[in-house]
Amino acid sequence: MASVQDKLKAELMVEIYASIDRIYDSIEQHFELDETRRSNVIKSLNTLKDELYFVVQTTPLS
């Protein structure tokens, strides 16, 4: 059975990922990006997701 901390972390990850997706959607709506820039934005946001996932998985909640 998952601990309370694991459940909280899972909820945090859902919220973090949704926020990052909203950032991307906002950028797409407000800026005309060429394909290279769009790819760079997506790559950067995915890197951010990966880093935050690592932090959430390896760090205890305060």
Protein backbone atom coordinates (compact mmCIF):
# COMPACT_ATOMS: atom_id res chain seq x y z
CA MET A 1 0.00 0.00 0.00
CA ALA A 2 1.30 3.44 -0.90
CA SER A 3 2.18 5.77 1.91
CA VAL A 4 0.52 9.13 2.40
CA GLN A 5 3.70 10.81 1.18
CA ASP A 6 3.62 8.74 -2.04
CA LYS A 7 0.01 9.73 -2.65
CA LEU A 8 0.78 13.40 -2.06
CA LYS A 9 3.76 13.21 -4.39
CA ALA A 10 1.62 11.58 -7.09
CA GLU A 11 -0.94 14.38 -6.76
CA LEU A 12 1.84 16.97 -6.95
CA MET A 13 3.18 15.39 -10.14
CA VAL A 14 -0.25 15.55 -11.77
CA GLU A 15 -0.51 19.22 -10.83
CA ILE A 16 3.03 20.02 -11.99
CA TYR A 17 2.58 18.26 -15.32
CA ALA A 18 -0.76 20.00 -15.91
CA SER A 19 0.85 23.37 -15.14
CA ILE A 20 3.67 22.74 -17.59
CA ASP A 21 1.14 21.71 -20.23
CA ARG A 22 -0.75 24.98 -19.63
CA ILE A 23 2.52 26.90 -20.08
CA TYR A 24 3.03 25.22 -23.46
CA ASP A 25 -0.58 25.90 -24.50
CA SER A 26 -0.22 29.56 -23.53
CA ILE A 27 2.99 29.90 -25.54
CA GLU A 28 1.33 28.25 -28.54
CA GLN A 29 -1.65 30.61 -28.32
CA HIS A 30 0.29 33.83 -27.93
CA PHE A 31 3.39 33.39 -30.07
CA GLU A 32 4.03 32.43 -33.66
CA LEU A 33 6.84 29.91 -33.37
CA ASP A 34 8.77 28.40 -36.22
CA GLU A 35 9.24 24.63 -36.08
CA THR A 36 12.76 24.85 -34.63
CA ARG A 37 11.67 27.17 -31.81
CA ARG A 38 8.57 25.03 -31.11
CA SER A 39 10.78 21.93 -30.87
CA ASN A 40 13.15 23.73 -28.51
CA VAL A 41 10.28 24.84 -26.29
CA ILE A 42 8.89 21.30 -26.15
CA LYS A 43 12.34 19.87 -25.42
CA SER A 44 12.93 22.40 -22.63
CA LEU A 45 9.56 21.77 -21.02
CA ASN A 46 10.11 18.02 -21.19
CA THR A 47 13.51 18.48 -19.56
CA LEU A 48 11.83 20.50 -16.82
CA LYS A 49 9.27 17.72 -16.33
CA ASP A 50 12.08 15.16 -16.07
CA GLU A 51 13.98 17.23 -13.52
CA LEU A 52 10.92 17.86 -11.40
CA TYR A 53 9.99 14.18 -11.56
CA PHE A 54 13.48 13.32 -10.27
CA VAL A 55 13.18 15.84 -7.43
CA VAL A 56 9.75 14.57 -6.41
CA GLN A 57 10.87 10.93 -6.50
CA THR A 58 14.12 11.42 -4.59
CA THR A 59 13.29 14.11 -2.06
CA PRO A 60 11.09 13.79 1.02
CA LEU A 61 8.24 16.24 1.51
CA SER A 62 8.77 19.00 4.01
